[in-house]
Amino acid sequence: MDEKQTKEKIMMVLEKIRPFINHDGGDLEFVDFKDGIVYVKLLGACAGCSMIDSTLQDGIANLLMEEVDGVLGVMNVSDDTAINPTNE
């Protein structure tokens, strides 16, 4: 699977998760996939939720790693978080 196909598969899996996140007043946005890490932005009620780590690791990450080859983890990014902090 090439990078474009991997990103499309990631977005399909995220669409399956979205209704559960929407149910609790939140949402998520796919930002990027780089070096095995899926970068998402949690929005709405999810942005400040105390369960954000559990949602990311126990929910989103587990499902993505199970369904998409090459996914090693998930990271939440915010407006002030750079995807590539070394600016390479």
N, C-alpha and C. Protein backbone atom coordinates (compact mmCIF):
# COMPACT_ATOMS: atom_id res chain seq x y z
N MET A 1 0.86 -1.18 0.00
CA MET A 1 0.00 0.00 0.00
C MET A 1 0.90 1.24 0.00
N ASP A 2 0.66 2.17 -0.93
CA ASP A 2 1.47 3.38 -0.97
C ASP A 2 0.93 4.40 0.04
N GLU A 3 1.62 5.51 0.17
CA GLU A 3 1.27 6.52 1.17
C GLU A 3 -0.15 7.07 0.96
N LYS A 4 -0.52 7.31 -0.28
CA LYS A 4 -1.85 7.84 -0.57
C LYS A 4 -2.92 6.84 -0.14
N GLN A 5 -2.72 5.57 -0.45
CA GLN A 5 -3.69 4.54 -0.07
C GLN A 5 -3.75 4.39 1.45
N THR A 6 -2.61 4.49 2.11
CA THR A 6 -2.58 4.40 3.57
C THR A 6 -3.37 5.53 4.19
N LYS A 7 -3.17 6.75 3.69
CA LYS A 7 -3.91 7.90 4.22
C LYS A 7 -5.41 7.74 3.98
N GLU A 8 -5.79 7.24 2.81
CA GLU A 8 -7.21 7.02 2.52
C GLU A 8 -7.81 5.99 3.47
N LYS A 9 -7.07 4.93 3.75
CA LYS A 9 -7.54 3.89 4.68
C LYS A 9 -7.67 4.46 6.09
N ILE A 10 -6.70 5.28 6.51
CA ILE A 10 -6.76 5.94 7.82
C ILE A 10 -8.03 6.78 7.91
N MET A 11 -8.30 7.57 6.88
CA MET A 11 -9.49 8.43 6.90
C MET A 11 -10.77 7.60 6.94
N MET A 12 -10.79 6.45 6.28
CA MET A 12 -11.97 5.58 6.32
C MET A 12 -12.19 5.05 7.74
N VAL A 13 -11.13 4.66 8.41
CA VAL A 13 -11.24 4.17 9.78
C VAL A 13 -11.69 5.30 10.70
N LEU A 14 -11.14 6.49 10.53
CA LEU A 14 -11.55 7.62 11.36
C LEU A 14 -13.03 7.94 11.17
N GLU A 15 -13.55 7.76 9.96
CA GLU A 15 -14.97 7.98 9.71
C GLU A 15 -15.83 6.97 10.48
N LYS A 16 -15.32 5.76 10.68
CA LYS A 16 -16.05 4.76 11.47
C LYS A 16 -16.09 5.16 12.95
N ILE A 17 -15.04 5.83 13.41
CA ILE A 17 -14.94 6.25 14.81
C ILE A 17 -15.76 7.51 15.08
N ARG A 18 -15.85 8.38 14.09
CA ARG A 18 -16.46 9.70 14.24
C ARG A 18 -17.83 9.71 14.93
N PRO A 19 -18.77 8.83 14.60
CA PRO A 19 -20.08 8.88 15.25
C PRO A 19 -20.01 8.71 16.77
N PHE A 20 -19.07 7.90 17.25
CA PHE A 20 -18.92 7.70 18.69
C PHE A 20 -18.39 8.95 19.36
N ILE A 21 -17.47 9.63 18.69
CA ILE A 21 -16.91 10.86 19.23
C ILE A 21 -17.94 11.98 19.16
N ASN A 22 -18.68 12.04 18.05
CA ASN A 22 -19.74 13.05 17.90
C ASN A 22 -20.82 12.89 18.98
N HIS A 23 -21.10 11.66 19.35
CA HIS A 23 -22.14 11.37 20.35
C HIS A 23 -21.82 12.06 21.68
N ASP A 24 -20.56 12.22 21.99
CA ASP A 24 -20.15 12.87 23.23
C ASP A 24 -19.83 14.35 23.05
N GLY A 25 -20.19 14.91 21.90
CA GLY A 25 -19.99 16.34 21.66
C GLY A 25 -18.63 16.71 21.11
N GLY A 26 -17.90 15.72 20.65
CA GLY A 26 -16.57 15.99 20.11
C GLY A 26 -16.49 15.68 18.63
N ASP A 27 -15.31 15.85 18.10
CA ASP A 27 -15.05 15.52 16.71
C ASP A 27 -13.54 15.35 16.55
N LEU A 28 -13.12 14.87 15.41
CA LEU A 28 -11.71 14.75 15.13
C LEU A 28 -11.45 15.07 13.68
N GLU A 29 -10.24 15.52 13.43
CA GLU A 29 -9.81 15.89 12.09
C GLU A 29 -8.48 15.20 11.81
N PHE A 30 -8.38 14.54 10.66
CA PHE A 30 -7.11 13.94 10.24
C PHE A 30 -6.18 15.07 9.82
N VAL A 31 -4.96 15.07 10.35
CA VAL A 31 -3.99 16.11 10.02
C VAL A 31 -2.91 15.57 9.09
N ASP A 32 -2.30 14.42 9.46
CA ASP A 32 -1.21 13.89 8.65
C ASP A 32 -0.86 12.48 9.11
N PHE A 33 -0.08 11.80 8.30
CA PHE A 33 0.49 10.50 8.64
C PHE A 33 1.95 10.56 8.28
N LYS A 34 2.82 10.39 9.28
CA LYS A 34 4.25 10.52 9.04
C LYS A 34 5.01 9.58 9.96
N ASP A 35 5.91 8.79 9.39
CA ASP A 35 6.77 7.88 10.15
C ASP A 35 5.97 6.96 11.07
N GLY A 36 4.82 6.49 10.59
CA GLY A 36 4.02 5.54 11.35
C GLY A 36 3.06 6.16 12.34
N ILE A 37 3.10 7.47 12.49
CA ILE A 37 2.24 8.16 13.45
C ILE A 37 1.12 8.89 12.71
N VAL A 38 -0.11 8.66 13.18
CA VAL A 38 -1.26 9.37 12.65
C VAL A 38 -1.48 10.60 13.52
N TYR A 39 -1.47 11.75 12.92
CA TYR A 39 -1.70 13.00 13.63
C TYR A 39 -3.15 13.41 13.43
N VAL A 40 -3.86 13.60 14.54
CA VAL A 40 -5.24 14.03 14.50
C VAL A 40 -5.40 15.25 15.39
N LYS A 41 -6.46 15.98 15.14
CA LYS A 41 -6.80 17.11 15.99
C LYS A 41 -8.17 16.81 16.58
N LEU A 42 -8.22 16.70 17.89
CA LEU A 42 -9.50 16.47 18.56
C LEU A 42 -10.17 17.81 18.78
N LEU A 43 -11.45 17.86 18.48
CA LEU A 43 -12.21 19.10 18.48
C LEU A 43 -13.41 19.01 19.41
N GLY A 44 -14.05 20.15 19.63
CA GLY A 44 -15.27 20.18 20.44
C GLY A 44 -15.01 19.75 21.86
N ALA A 45 -15.91 18.96 22.41
CA ALA A 45 -15.79 18.51 23.80
C ALA A 45 -14.54 17.67 24.02
N CYS A 46 -14.03 17.04 22.98
CA CYS A 46 -12.83 16.20 23.11
C CYS A 46 -11.58 17.03 23.41
N ALA A 47 -11.55 18.26 22.93
CA ALA A 47 -10.35 19.09 23.05
C ALA A 47 -9.93 19.30 24.50
N GLY A 48 -10.87 19.42 25.42
CA GLY A 48 -10.51 19.67 26.80
C GLY A 48 -10.89 18.54 27.74
N CYS A 49 -11.21 17.40 27.18
CA CYS A 49 -11.70 16.28 27.98
C CYS A 49 -10.57 15.61 28.76
N SER A 50 -10.87 15.20 29.98
CA SER A 50 -9.88 14.51 30.80
C SER A 50 -9.61 13.08 30.30
N MET A 51 -10.45 12.58 29.42
CA MET A 51 -10.30 11.22 28.89
C MET A 51 -9.58 11.21 27.54
N ILE A 52 -8.94 12.31 27.18
CA ILE A 52 -8.34 12.43 25.85
C ILE A 52 -7.27 11.35 25.61
N ASP A 53 -6.45 11.06 26.60
CA ASP A 53 -5.41 10.05 26.42
C ASP A 53 -6.01 8.67 26.21
N SER A 54 -7.04 8.37 26.95
CA SER A 54 -7.72 7.08 26.81
C SER A 54 -8.38 6.97 25.45
N THR A 55 -9.02 8.03 25.01
CA THR A 55 -9.66 8.05 23.70
C THR A 55 -8.63 7.82 22.60
N LEU A 56 -7.50 8.50 22.71
CA LEU A 56 -6.46 8.38 21.69
C LEU A 56 -5.84 6.99 21.67
N GLN A 57 -5.41 6.50 22.83
CA GLN A 57 -4.66 5.25 22.87
C GLN A 57 -5.55 4.01 22.87
N ASP A 58 -6.56 3.99 23.72
CA ASP A 58 -7.40 2.80 23.84
C ASP A 58 -8.43 2.69 22.73
N GLY A 59 -8.78 3.81 22.13
CA GLY A 59 -9.78 3.79 21.08
C GLY A 59 -9.20 3.96 19.70
N ILE A 60 -8.81 5.17 19.40
CA ILE A 60 -8.37 5.53 18.05
C ILE A 60 -7.10 4.76 17.65
N ALA A 61 -6.08 4.79 18.49
CA ALA A 61 -4.81 4.14 18.13
C ALA A 61 -4.97 2.64 17.95
N ASN A 62 -5.65 2.00 18.89
CA ASN A 62 -5.81 0.55 18.79
C ASN A 62 -6.52 0.15 17.50
N LEU A 63 -7.58 0.85 17.16
CA LEU A 63 -8.33 0.52 15.95
C LEU A 63 -7.49 0.78 14.70
N LEU A 64 -6.81 1.90 14.65
CA LEU A 64 -5.98 2.21 13.48
C LEU A 64 -4.85 1.20 13.33
N MET A 65 -4.19 0.84 14.42
CA MET A 65 -3.08 -0.12 14.33
C MET A 65 -3.58 -1.50 13.91
N GLU A 66 -4.80 -1.81 14.29
CA GLU A 66 -5.38 -3.10 13.93
C GLU A 66 -5.79 -3.15 12.46
N GLU A 67 -6.29 -2.03 11.94
CA GLU A 67 -6.87 -2.03 10.59
C GLU A 67 -5.99 -1.47 9.49
N VAL A 68 -4.93 -0.73 9.84
CA VAL A 68 -4.10 -0.08 8.82
C VAL A 68 -2.63 -0.47 9.03
N ASP A 69 -2.09 -1.19 8.06
CA ASP A 69 -0.67 -1.57 8.12
C ASP A 69 0.20 -0.33 8.16
N GLY A 70 1.20 -0.35 9.02
CA GLY A 70 2.15 0.74 9.09
C GLY A 70 1.86 1.76 10.16
N VAL A 71 0.67 1.73 10.75
CA VAL A 71 0.35 2.67 11.81
C VAL A 71 0.95 2.16 13.11
N LEU A 72 1.75 3.01 13.75
CA LEU A 72 2.41 2.65 14.99
C LEU A 72 1.83 3.37 16.20
N GLY A 73 1.10 4.46 15.96
CA GLY A 73 0.53 5.23 17.05
C GLY A 73 -0.25 6.41 16.55
N VAL A 74 -0.83 7.14 17.51
CA VAL A 74 -1.64 8.32 17.20
C VAL A 74 -1.22 9.45 18.12
N MET A 75 -1.16 10.66 17.57
CA MET A 75 -0.83 11.82 18.37
C MET A 75 -1.83 12.93 18.10
N ASN A 76 -2.29 13.55 19.16
CA ASN A 76 -3.18 14.70 19.05
C ASN A 76 -2.33 15.94 18.85
N VAL A 77 -2.72 16.77 17.91
CA VAL A 77 -2.04 18.05 17.71
C VAL A 77 -3.04 19.17 17.97
N SER A 78 -2.53 20.25 18.48
CA SER A 78 -3.37 21.43 18.68
C SER A 78 -2.78 22.55 17.85
N ASP A 79 -3.42 23.70 17.89
CA ASP A 79 -2.94 24.82 17.08
C ASP A 79 -1.50 25.21 17.42
N ASP A 80 -1.09 24.98 18.67
CA ASP A 80 0.25 25.36 19.08
C ASP A 80 1.24 24.20 19.10
N THR A 81 0.83 23.04 18.57
CA THR A 81 1.70 21.87 18.53
C THR A 81 2.16 21.65 17.10
N ALA A 82 3.44 21.61 16.90
CA ALA A 82 3.98 21.37 15.56
C ALA A 82 4.09 19.87 15.32
N ILE A 83 3.78 19.45 14.11
CA ILE A 83 3.92 18.04 13.75
C ILE A 83 5.40 17.68 13.70
N ASN A 84 6.22 18.59 13.24
CA ASN A 84 7.64 18.33 13.12
C ASN A 84 8.39 19.39 13.94
N PRO A 85 8.55 19.16 15.24
CA PRO A 85 9.13 20.20 16.09
C PRO A 85 10.57 20.57 15.75
N THR A 86 11.29 19.72 15.02
CA THR A 86 12.66 20.06 14.64
C THR A 86 12.72 20.87 13.36
N ASN A 87 11.55 21.10 12.75
CA ASN A 87 11.44 21.89 11.51
C ASN A 87 12.31 21.36 10.40
N GLU A 88 12.38 20.05 10.28
CA GLU A 88 13.15 19.44 9.20
C GLU A 88 12.39 19.51 7.90
